């Protein structure tokens, strides 16, 4: 048995590595002590799951593979398709909105 192991590791493409790190840190992430590459930053979310930010050469003005708009769209899809997953990815939103508990038949707030 034991503790649940990490099931997924996320890599996020950003346009500006240091700005991306600053944003992640402002949201509660912690940079790892060891950084293996010049174009990647390893961070930990508030509960200790690792994730990476990276940059790669691309055409100026081209949207990165994972843009903020894409992330928002995926989060909306998760919230509308799976209330249990929605609670896992946005646990405080339900309490703040004063909506019903999962499984009550009410829609999850977008």
N, C-alpha and C. Protein backbone atom coordinates (compact mmCIF):
# COMPACT_ATOMS: atom_id res chain seq x y z
N UNK A 1 0.84 -1.17 0.00
CA UNK A 1 0.00 0.00 0.00
C UNK A 1 0.89 1.25 0.00
N UNK A 2 0.85 2.08 1.01
CA UNK A 2 1.72 3.26 1.06
C UNK A 2 1.09 4.48 0.43
N UNK A 3 1.91 5.52 0.28
CA UNK A 3 1.45 6.78 -0.29
C UNK A 3 1.24 6.67 -1.79
N UNK A 4 0.32 7.46 -2.30
CA UNK A 4 0.07 7.53 -3.73
C UNK A 4 1.28 8.15 -4.42
N UNK A 5 1.77 7.51 -5.46
CA UNK A 5 2.88 8.04 -6.23
C UNK A 5 2.34 8.97 -7.31
N UNK A 6 3.23 9.84 -7.81
CA UNK A 6 2.85 10.76 -8.87
C UNK A 6 2.35 9.98 -10.08
N UNK A 7 1.23 10.41 -10.64
CA UNK A 7 0.63 9.73 -11.77
C UNK A 7 0.91 10.44 -13.10
N UNK A 8 1.33 11.70 -13.02
CA UNK A 8 1.50 12.50 -14.22
C UNK A 8 2.52 13.59 -13.96
N UNK A 9 3.33 13.89 -14.95
CA UNK A 9 4.29 14.99 -14.84
C UNK A 9 3.98 15.95 -15.97
N UNK A 10 3.77 17.21 -15.64
CA UNK A 10 3.41 18.20 -16.64
C UNK A 10 4.61 19.05 -17.04
N UNK A 11 4.73 19.32 -18.32
CA UNK A 11 5.71 20.25 -18.86
C UNK A 11 4.93 21.36 -19.56
N UNK A 12 5.21 22.61 -19.18
CA UNK A 12 4.51 23.76 -19.76
C UNK A 12 5.49 24.59 -20.57
N UNK A 13 5.15 24.82 -21.84
CA UNK A 13 5.96 25.71 -22.67
C UNK A 13 5.58 27.15 -22.35
N UNK A 14 6.58 27.98 -22.11
CA UNK A 14 6.36 29.39 -21.83
C UNK A 14 7.19 30.22 -22.81
N UNK A 15 6.78 31.45 -23.02
CA UNK A 15 7.53 32.33 -23.91
C UNK A 15 8.75 32.92 -23.23
N UNK A 16 8.65 33.18 -21.93
CA UNK A 16 9.73 33.79 -21.15
C UNK A 16 9.91 32.94 -19.90
N UNK A 17 11.04 32.26 -19.80
CA UNK A 17 11.26 31.31 -18.72
C UNK A 17 11.22 31.97 -17.35
N UNK A 18 11.92 33.07 -17.19
CA UNK A 18 11.97 33.70 -15.87
C UNK A 18 10.62 34.30 -15.48
N UNK A 19 9.89 34.86 -16.44
CA UNK A 19 8.55 35.37 -16.15
C UNK A 19 7.61 34.22 -15.78
N UNK A 20 7.76 33.09 -16.46
CA UNK A 20 6.95 31.91 -16.13
C UNK A 20 7.22 31.41 -14.73
N UNK A 21 8.51 31.38 -14.36
CA UNK A 21 8.88 30.96 -13.00
C UNK A 21 8.30 31.93 -11.98
N UNK A 22 8.42 33.22 -12.25
CA UNK A 22 7.89 34.23 -11.32
C UNK A 22 6.39 34.05 -11.14
N UNK A 23 5.68 33.79 -12.22
CA UNK A 23 4.23 33.58 -12.13
C UNK A 23 3.92 32.33 -11.31
N UNK A 24 4.63 31.23 -11.59
CA UNK A 24 4.39 29.98 -10.86
C UNK A 24 4.67 30.15 -9.37
N UNK A 25 5.76 30.84 -9.04
CA UNK A 25 6.11 31.08 -7.63
C UNK A 25 5.03 31.94 -6.96
N UNK A 26 4.53 32.93 -7.68
CA UNK A 26 3.46 33.78 -7.12
C UNK A 26 2.20 32.97 -6.83
N UNK A 27 2.01 31.87 -7.57
CA UNK A 27 0.84 31.01 -7.37
C UNK A 27 1.11 29.89 -6.37
N UNK A 28 2.32 29.85 -5.78
CA UNK A 28 2.59 28.87 -4.73
C UNK A 28 3.63 27.81 -5.05
N UNK A 29 4.20 27.84 -6.25
CA UNK A 29 5.22 26.85 -6.62
C UNK A 29 6.55 27.20 -5.97
N UNK A 30 7.42 26.18 -5.88
CA UNK A 30 8.76 26.35 -5.33
C UNK A 30 9.76 25.81 -6.34
N UNK A 31 10.76 26.59 -6.74
CA UNK A 31 11.78 26.08 -7.66
C UNK A 31 12.61 24.97 -6.99
N UNK A 32 12.95 23.95 -7.76
CA UNK A 32 13.82 22.89 -7.27
C UNK A 32 15.23 23.43 -7.11
N UNK A 33 15.98 22.86 -6.19
CA UNK A 33 17.37 23.31 -6.00
C UNK A 33 18.21 23.00 -7.22
N UNK A 34 18.04 21.81 -7.80
CA UNK A 34 18.82 21.41 -8.97
C UNK A 34 18.03 21.71 -10.23
N UNK A 35 18.64 22.46 -11.14
CA UNK A 35 18.05 22.79 -12.43
C UNK A 35 18.91 22.16 -13.52
N UNK A 36 18.44 21.09 -14.18
CA UNK A 36 19.28 20.30 -15.08
C UNK A 36 19.62 20.93 -16.43
N UNK A 37 18.83 21.91 -16.89
CA UNK A 37 19.04 22.47 -18.23
C UNK A 37 18.86 23.98 -18.20
N UNK A 38 19.52 24.66 -19.14
CA UNK A 38 19.41 26.11 -19.20
C UNK A 38 18.05 26.59 -19.69
N UNK A 39 17.34 25.76 -20.46
CA UNK A 39 16.06 26.18 -21.03
C UNK A 39 14.85 25.51 -20.37
N UNK A 40 15.06 24.93 -19.18
CA UNK A 40 14.00 24.26 -18.42
C UNK A 40 14.13 24.67 -16.97
N UNK A 41 13.00 24.86 -16.30
CA UNK A 41 13.00 25.09 -14.86
C UNK A 41 12.08 24.06 -14.22
N UNK A 42 12.62 23.35 -13.23
CA UNK A 42 11.86 22.36 -12.47
C UNK A 42 11.31 23.06 -11.24
N UNK A 43 10.02 22.88 -11.00
CA UNK A 43 9.36 23.47 -9.83
C UNK A 43 8.50 22.40 -9.16
N UNK A 44 8.05 22.71 -7.95
CA UNK A 44 7.14 21.84 -7.23
C UNK A 44 5.88 22.62 -6.90
N UNK A 45 4.72 21.98 -7.09
CA UNK A 45 3.48 22.64 -6.70
C UNK A 45 3.40 22.65 -5.17
N UNK A 46 2.39 23.32 -4.59
CA UNK A 46 2.33 23.44 -3.13
C UNK A 46 2.32 22.13 -2.35
N UNK A 47 1.90 21.03 -2.98
CA UNK A 47 1.92 19.75 -2.26
C UNK A 47 3.10 18.86 -2.66
N UNK A 48 4.01 19.41 -3.46
CA UNK A 48 5.25 18.70 -3.76
C UNK A 48 5.34 17.97 -5.09
N UNK A 49 4.33 18.09 -5.95
CA UNK A 49 4.41 17.44 -7.26
C UNK A 49 5.32 18.25 -8.18
N UNK A 50 6.27 17.59 -8.84
CA UNK A 50 7.16 18.32 -9.75
C UNK A 50 6.47 18.63 -11.08
N UNK A 51 6.86 19.75 -11.67
CA UNK A 51 6.46 20.09 -13.02
C UNK A 51 7.56 20.96 -13.61
N UNK A 52 7.55 21.09 -14.93
CA UNK A 52 8.61 21.85 -15.60
C UNK A 52 8.02 22.96 -16.47
N UNK A 53 8.77 24.04 -16.55
CA UNK A 53 8.52 25.10 -17.52
C UNK A 53 9.67 25.04 -18.51
N UNK A 54 9.38 25.22 -19.78
CA UNK A 54 10.46 25.20 -20.77
C UNK A 54 10.19 26.21 -21.87
N UNK A 55 11.26 26.61 -22.53
CA UNK A 55 11.16 27.45 -23.72
C UNK A 55 11.82 26.70 -24.86
N UNK A 56 11.40 27.00 -26.05
CA UNK A 56 12.08 26.46 -27.22
C UNK A 56 12.02 27.51 -28.31
N UNK A 57 12.88 27.38 -29.25
CA UNK A 57 12.90 28.34 -30.34
C UNK A 57 11.61 28.23 -31.14
N UNK A 58 10.99 29.36 -31.38
CA UNK A 58 9.79 29.40 -32.20
C UNK A 58 9.65 30.79 -32.81
N UNK A 59 8.76 30.90 -33.74
CA UNK A 59 8.55 32.15 -34.45
C UNK A 59 7.88 33.16 -33.53
N UNK A 60 8.40 34.39 -33.51
CA UNK A 60 7.82 35.45 -32.70
C UNK A 60 6.34 35.63 -33.05
N UNK A 61 5.51 35.69 -32.04
CA UNK A 61 4.07 35.84 -32.24
C UNK A 61 3.32 34.53 -32.34
N UNK A 62 4.04 33.43 -32.49
CA UNK A 62 3.39 32.12 -32.56
C UNK A 62 2.97 31.69 -31.15
N UNK A 63 1.78 31.17 -31.03
CA UNK A 63 1.29 30.72 -29.73
C UNK A 63 2.06 29.47 -29.29
N UNK A 64 2.49 29.41 -28.01
CA UNK A 64 3.18 28.21 -27.55
C UNK A 64 2.25 27.01 -27.58
N UNK A 65 2.82 25.82 -27.54
CA UNK A 65 2.03 24.59 -27.60
C UNK A 65 0.97 24.57 -26.51
N UNK A 66 1.32 25.01 -25.33
CA UNK A 66 0.36 25.07 -24.22
C UNK A 66 0.23 26.53 -23.83
N UNK A 67 -0.80 27.16 -24.33
CA UNK A 67 -1.04 28.57 -24.05
C UNK A 67 -2.00 28.71 -22.87
N UNK A 68 -2.05 29.87 -22.23
CA UNK A 68 -3.03 30.07 -21.15
C UNK A 68 -4.46 29.81 -21.63
N UNK A 69 -4.75 30.15 -22.88
CA UNK A 69 -6.09 29.92 -23.41
C UNK A 69 -6.39 28.43 -23.49
N UNK A 70 -5.40 27.62 -23.93
CA UNK A 70 -5.59 26.18 -24.02
C UNK A 70 -5.82 25.59 -22.63
N UNK A 71 -5.04 26.01 -21.64
CA UNK A 71 -5.20 25.51 -20.27
C UNK A 71 -6.60 25.85 -19.76
N UNK A 72 -7.06 27.08 -19.97
CA UNK A 72 -8.39 27.48 -19.52
C UNK A 72 -9.47 26.64 -20.20
N UNK A 73 -9.30 26.37 -21.49
CA UNK A 73 -10.27 25.54 -22.21
C UNK A 73 -10.32 24.13 -21.63
N UNK A 74 -9.16 23.55 -21.36
CA UNK A 74 -9.12 22.21 -20.79
C UNK A 74 -9.77 22.17 -19.42
N UNK A 75 -9.50 23.19 -18.60
CA UNK A 75 -10.09 23.25 -17.26
C UNK A 75 -11.62 23.35 -17.35
N UNK A 76 -12.12 24.14 -18.30
CA UNK A 76 -13.58 24.23 -18.49
C UNK A 76 -14.15 22.88 -18.87
N UNK A 77 -13.47 22.18 -19.78
CA UNK A 77 -13.93 20.86 -20.21
C UNK A 77 -13.97 19.89 -19.03
N UNK A 78 -12.94 19.91 -18.20
CA UNK A 78 -12.90 19.02 -17.04
C UNK A 78 -14.06 19.34 -16.11
N UNK A 79 -14.29 20.61 -15.84
CA UNK A 79 -15.35 21.00 -14.90
C UNK A 79 -16.73 20.59 -15.41
N UNK A 80 -16.95 20.67 -16.72
CA UNK A 80 -18.28 20.35 -17.24
C UNK A 80 -18.49 18.86 -17.45
N UNK A 81 -17.42 18.11 -17.71
CA UNK A 81 -17.56 16.69 -18.02
C UNK A 81 -17.42 15.77 -16.82
N UNK A 82 -16.73 16.21 -15.78
CA UNK A 82 -16.46 15.30 -14.67
C UNK A 82 -16.43 16.07 -13.35
N UNK A 83 -17.55 16.11 -12.63
CA UNK A 83 -17.60 16.86 -11.37
C UNK A 83 -16.58 16.40 -10.33
N UNK A 84 -16.26 15.11 -10.30
CA UNK A 84 -15.27 14.61 -9.34
C UNK A 84 -13.89 15.18 -9.68
N UNK A 85 -13.52 15.14 -10.96
CA UNK A 85 -12.24 15.72 -11.37
C UNK A 85 -12.26 17.22 -11.16
N UNK A 86 -13.40 17.86 -11.39
CA UNK A 86 -13.50 19.31 -11.19
C UNK A 86 -13.20 19.66 -9.75
N UNK A 87 -13.70 18.88 -8.81
CA UNK A 87 -13.43 19.13 -7.40
C UNK A 87 -11.94 18.98 -7.11
N UNK A 88 -11.29 18.04 -7.78
CA UNK A 88 -9.86 17.82 -7.55
C UNK A 88 -9.01 18.97 -8.09
N UNK A 89 -9.41 19.55 -9.22
CA UNK A 89 -8.59 20.61 -9.81
C UNK A 89 -9.00 22.00 -9.36
N UNK A 90 -10.20 22.16 -8.81
CA UNK A 90 -10.64 23.47 -8.32
C UNK A 90 -11.40 23.31 -7.01
N UNK A 91 -10.77 22.80 -5.96
CA UNK A 91 -11.49 22.50 -4.72
C UNK A 91 -12.07 23.72 -4.02
N UNK A 92 -11.45 24.86 -4.09
CA UNK A 92 -11.93 26.03 -3.34
C UNK A 92 -13.01 26.80 -4.07
N UNK A 93 -13.17 26.60 -5.35
CA UNK A 93 -14.15 27.37 -6.13
C UNK A 93 -15.57 27.05 -5.71
N UNK A 94 -15.86 25.78 -5.42
CA UNK A 94 -17.20 25.37 -5.03
C UNK A 94 -17.57 26.03 -3.70
N UNK A 95 -16.65 26.02 -2.73
CA UNK A 95 -16.91 26.62 -1.43
C UNK A 95 -17.11 28.13 -1.57
N UNK A 96 -16.26 28.77 -2.37
CA UNK A 96 -16.35 30.22 -2.54
C UNK A 96 -17.65 30.62 -3.23
N UNK A 97 -18.10 29.79 -4.15
CA UNK A 97 -19.32 30.11 -4.89
C UNK A 97 -20.57 29.73 -4.12
N UNK A 98 -20.42 28.92 -3.05
CA UNK A 98 -21.57 28.50 -2.26
C UNK A 98 -22.46 27.54 -3.01
N UNK A 99 -21.89 26.73 -3.92
CA UNK A 99 -22.69 25.79 -4.69
C UNK A 99 -22.77 24.45 -3.97
N UNK A 100 -23.57 23.57 -4.51
CA UNK A 100 -23.83 22.28 -3.88
C UNK A 100 -22.60 21.38 -3.90
N UNK A 101 -22.65 20.37 -3.06
CA UNK A 101 -21.58 19.39 -2.99
C UNK A 101 -21.60 18.50 -4.23
N UNK A 102 -20.44 17.86 -4.57
CA UNK A 102 -20.41 16.95 -5.71
C UNK A 102 -21.43 15.83 -5.53
N UNK A 103 -22.05 15.43 -6.63
CA UNK A 103 -23.00 14.34 -6.59
C UNK A 103 -24.42 14.79 -6.31
N UNK A 104 -24.65 16.07 -6.09
CA UNK A 104 -26.00 16.55 -5.78
C UNK A 104 -26.84 16.74 -7.03
N UNK A 105 -26.22 16.61 -8.20
CA UNK A 105 -26.94 16.81 -9.45
C UNK A 105 -26.82 18.22 -9.99
N UNK A 106 -26.29 19.13 -9.21
CA UNK A 106 -26.12 20.50 -9.67
C UNK A 106 -24.89 20.59 -10.57
N UNK A 107 -24.91 21.52 -11.47
CA UNK A 107 -23.77 21.72 -12.38
C UNK A 107 -22.60 22.31 -11.61
N UNK A 108 -21.41 21.98 -12.07
CA UNK A 108 -20.20 22.54 -11.48
C UNK A 108 -20.00 23.92 -12.06
N UNK A 109 -19.66 24.93 -11.23
CA UNK A 109 -19.49 26.29 -11.76
C UNK A 109 -18.35 26.37 -12.76
N UNK A 110 -18.52 27.20 -13.78
CA UNK A 110 -17.46 27.37 -14.79
C UNK A 110 -16.58 28.52 -14.42
